[in-house]
Protein backbone atom coordinates (compact mmCIF):
# COMPACT_ATOMS: atom_id res chain seq x y z
CA MET A 1 -18.65 -6.54 -20.02
CA PRO A 2 -22.17 -6.13 -18.35
CA PHE A 3 -22.01 -4.14 -15.21
CA THR A 4 -23.86 -4.84 -11.96
CA THR A 5 -25.25 -1.88 -9.91
CA THR A 6 -24.48 -1.06 -6.32
CA THR A 7 -25.95 2.04 -4.63
CA THR A 8 -26.42 3.52 -1.40
CA THR A 9 -29.29 5.71 -0.23
CA PRO A 10 -27.30 9.21 0.60
CA GLU A 11 -28.02 10.50 4.02
CA ILE A 12 -27.53 14.03 3.68
CA THR A 13 -27.35 16.32 6.87
CA GLU A 14 -25.64 19.43 5.46
CA SER A 15 -26.95 19.89 1.84
CA GLN A 16 -24.64 21.57 -0.53
CA ASP A 17 -25.95 23.28 -3.59
CA LYS A 18 -22.35 23.67 -5.21
CA PHE A 19 -19.30 21.53 -5.24
CA ASP A 20 -16.66 23.47 -3.74
CA HIS A 21 -13.87 20.93 -2.71
CA SER A 22 -10.46 21.78 -3.84
CA PHE A 23 -8.23 18.90 -4.86
CA GLU A 24 -4.70 19.81 -3.74
CA GLY A 25 -1.38 18.22 -3.01
CA TRP A 26 0.37 15.38 -5.38
CA SER A 27 -1.57 12.23 -6.28
CA VAL A 28 -0.48 9.13 -8.59
CA TRP A 29 -3.14 7.82 -10.88
CA ILE A 30 -3.53 5.71 -13.99
CA GLU A 31 -5.21 7.21 -17.26
CA PRO A 32 -6.47 4.51 -19.55
CA ASP A 33 -6.06 4.60 -23.24
CA GLU A 34 -7.62 8.03 -24.74
CA GLU A 35 -9.35 6.06 -27.46
CA GLU A 36 -10.48 3.16 -25.60
CA SER A 37 -11.91 5.28 -22.88
CA ALA A 38 -13.72 7.66 -25.19
CA ASP A 39 -17.09 6.58 -24.07
CA ILE A 40 -16.22 7.16 -20.38
CA ALA A 41 -14.94 10.62 -21.00
CA LYS A 42 -18.24 11.36 -22.95
CA GLU A 43 -20.27 10.21 -19.97
CA ILE A 44 -18.16 12.38 -17.47
CA GLU A 45 -18.88 15.25 -19.68
CA SER A 46 -22.57 14.57 -19.78
CA LEU A 47 -22.98 13.92 -16.04
CA SER A 48 -20.98 17.10 -15.35
CA LEU A 49 -23.66 18.88 -17.21
CA LYS A 50 -26.86 17.10 -15.81
CA CYS A 51 -25.33 17.75 -12.25
CA GLY A 52 -25.30 21.61 -12.74
CA GLY A 53 -21.99 22.20 -14.89
CA ALA A 54 -19.51 25.00 -13.95
CA GLU A 55 -22.21 27.02 -12.16
CA SER A 56 -22.55 24.20 -9.61
CA GLY A 57 -18.82 23.70 -9.31
CA VAL A 58 -19.09 20.31 -11.49
CA PHE A 59 -16.53 20.01 -14.29
CA PRO A 60 -15.48 17.13 -16.53
CA PHE A 61 -12.13 15.26 -16.03
CA LEU A 62 -10.16 12.79 -17.52
CA PRO A 63 -10.90 9.03 -17.01
CA HIS A 64 -8.46 8.00 -14.28
CA CYS A 65 -7.79 5.48 -11.49
CA THR A 66 -6.00 6.93 -8.34
CA LEU A 67 -3.44 4.87 -6.78
CA LEU A 68 -2.41 7.37 -4.29
CA TYR A 69 -4.31 10.61 -3.26
CA ASN A 70 -2.89 13.82 -1.39
CA ILE A 71 0.49 12.34 -0.56
CA SER A 72 1.11 13.62 2.94
CA ASP A 73 4.83 14.56 2.95
CA MET A 74 4.49 16.03 -0.54
CA SER A 75 1.50 18.43 -0.22
CA GLU A 76 3.12 21.69 0.51
CA LYS A 77 6.10 21.16 -1.62
CA ILE A 78 4.84 21.57 -5.05
CA ASN A 79 7.82 23.45 -6.94
CA ASP A 80 10.50 22.62 -9.57
CA SER A 81 12.58 20.45 -7.09
CA SER A 82 9.54 18.45 -6.11
CA GLU A 83 8.48 17.83 -9.53
CA LYS A 84 11.81 16.50 -10.44
CA LEU A 85 11.72 14.27 -7.23
CA MET A 86 8.35 12.97 -8.19
CA GLU A 87 9.63 12.00 -11.58
CA ILE A 88 12.38 10.04 -10.01
CA LEU A 89 10.03 8.20 -7.53
CA LEU A 90 7.65 7.37 -10.62
CA TYR A 91 10.55 5.75 -12.32
CA LYS A 92 11.32 3.72 -9.31
CA CYS A 93 7.82 2.63 -9.34
CA VAL A 94 8.00 1.40 -12.89
CA ASP A 95 11.21 -0.45 -12.23
CA LYS A 96 9.70 -2.07 -9.15
CA PHE A 97 6.56 -3.00 -11.03
CA ARG A 98 8.64 -4.58 -13.83
CA GLU A 99 10.68 -6.52 -11.25
CA SER A 100 7.42 -7.97 -9.61
CA THR A 101 5.67 -8.73 -12.82
CA GLY A 102 8.59 -9.94 -15.12
CA LYS A 103 7.62 -7.27 -17.56
CA SER A 104 10.36 -6.20 -20.21
CA GLN A 105 11.31 -2.78 -21.30
CA ASP A 106 9.04 -2.92 -24.23
CA ASP A 107 6.01 -2.99 -22.04
CA VAL A 108 6.94 0.29 -20.21
CA THR A 109 7.13 3.48 -22.16
CA ARG A 110 8.25 6.59 -20.39
CA GLU A 111 7.22 9.91 -21.53
CA SER A 112 7.18 13.65 -20.25
CA SER A 113 3.92 15.15 -20.02
CA THR A 114 2.42 18.75 -19.71
CA LEU A 115 -1.29 17.59 -19.88
CA HIS A 116 -1.63 17.94 -15.90
CA GLN A 117 0.67 20.52 -14.44
CA PRO A 118 2.54 19.64 -12.15
CA SER A 119 2.76 15.98 -13.30
CA MET A 120 4.58 13.25 -15.18
CA GLN A 121 3.47 10.51 -17.43
CA LEU A 122 4.45 7.08 -17.55
CA VAL A 123 2.79 4.75 -20.17
CA LEU A 124 2.20 1.03 -18.92
CA LEU A 125 0.40 -1.87 -20.53
CA LEU A 126 -2.06 -2.68 -17.73
CA LEU A 127 -5.74 -4.09 -18.25
CA LEU A 128 -8.33 -2.19 -16.30
CA ILE A 129 -11.48 -4.26 -15.88
CA PRO A 130 -14.82 -2.75 -14.92
CA THR A 131 -17.04 -4.77 -12.49
CA SER A 132 -19.79 -2.57 -11.14
CA PHE A 133 -21.46 0.67 -10.74
CA TYR A 134 -21.44 2.52 -7.35
CA TYR A 135 -23.17 5.71 -6.16
CA PHE A 136 -22.83 7.30 -2.68
CA ALA A 137 -22.78 10.57 -0.63
CA TYR A 138 -19.44 11.92 0.70
CA PRO A 139 -20.34 14.98 2.95
CA LYS A 140 -17.65 17.14 4.23
CA HIS A 141 -17.92 15.40 7.76
CA ALA A 142 -17.04 12.15 6.53
CA ASP A 143 -13.59 10.47 7.12
CA ASN A 144 -13.08 12.91 10.11
CA GLY A 145 -13.60 15.88 8.10
CA LYS A 146 -11.86 15.01 4.91
CA GLY A 147 -15.06 14.28 2.80
CA PHE A 148 -15.50 16.33 -0.40
CA GLY A 149 -18.98 17.43 0.49
CA CYS A 150 -20.67 15.76 -2.76
CA VAL A 151 -22.21 12.62 -4.24
CA ILE A 152 -19.89 10.38 -6.13
CA SER A 153 -20.77 8.25 -9.00
CA LEU A 154 -18.10 5.62 -10.05
CA ILE A 155 -17.13 2.49 -11.78
CA LEU A 156 -15.35 -0.06 -9.51
CA LEU A 157 -12.57 -1.89 -11.13
CA GLU A 158 -11.53 -5.44 -10.59
CA ASN A 159 -8.35 -5.60 -8.33
CA THR A 160 -6.30 -7.55 -10.55
CA ILE A 161 -2.77 -9.03 -9.61
CA ALA A 162 -1.22 -6.60 -11.90
CA LEU A 163 -3.21 -3.60 -10.35
CA GLN A 164 -2.13 -4.69 -6.82
CA GLN A 165 1.57 -5.25 -7.85
CA LEU A 166 1.34 -1.67 -9.35
CA HIS A 167 -0.21 -0.27 -6.15
CA ALA A 168 2.26 -2.06 -3.97
CA ALA A 169 5.22 -0.53 -5.86
CA VAL A 170 3.77 2.81 -5.56
CA THR A 171 3.29 2.65 -1.84
CA ALA A 172 6.59 1.29 -1.29
CA THR A 173 8.14 4.22 -3.03
CA PHE A 174 6.00 7.30 -2.03
CA PRO A 175 5.37 8.65 1.28
CA GLN A 176 2.06 7.63 2.87
CA ASP A 177 -1.16 9.23 1.33
CA GLU A 178 -4.42 10.55 2.81
CA ARG A 179 -6.09 7.21 2.28
CA GLN A 180 -3.36 5.49 4.18
CA SER A 181 -2.99 2.85 1.16
CA ASN A 182 -6.63 1.82 1.47
CA PHE A 183 -6.91 0.86 -2.21
CA VAL A 184 -10.25 0.34 -3.87
CA PRO A 185 -9.69 0.63 -7.67
CA HIS A 186 -12.16 2.54 -9.36
CA MET A 187 -13.01 5.59 -11.95
CA SER A 188 -15.01 8.33 -10.57
CA LEU A 189 -17.45 9.86 -13.26
CA VAL A 190 -18.72 12.87 -11.33
CA TYR A 191 -18.48 14.73 -8.10
CA ALA A 192 -22.03 16.38 -7.74
CA PRO A 193 -23.39 18.75 -5.27
CA GLU A 194 -25.40 17.05 -2.50
CA THR A 195 -28.62 18.36 -3.85
CA LYS A 196 -28.13 16.49 -7.04
CA ALA A 197 -28.44 12.96 -4.70
CA THR A 198 -31.82 12.12 -6.87
CA TRP A 199 -30.88 12.80 -10.22
């Protein structure tokens, strides 16, 4: 599918040579099939190196689409009991999603995962459709001081009915997240230092 390109000219007031934001707390996201997203994973790795690599605090990560980011009531409760609670809530999300879409049990596979600790993994048959490329600066003063202090490159995804239904199931099950359910489906490609705004 051809991409359209949308960019903004970053307005950087407090330039950063190194990406030092720390992602903490609980989040819920979708990871695409590893084989089908191999090209995206390679691009993420390539961009991380182009933007300075480890010396600049830029590291590759798995392709994903975040549904909830930094769930407020759970951020300071990461322990064995909270992990079990999150697993229960994830299963509830899947059940709600199945109910809203009429999907059968065969469409949903439940698996335990140790890939991202602490995390659980559920496998859903869901189509993620890329629509355009987007690029913008996200300084630390953005969003009332919650900005990451970086330049973000990402792929916007079509907000399909299935994605809306899944997001609705997640937001109806988990406590409110930092974004307060402002859902714009996307896959980030790199979080680069602000001095890399022109690469």
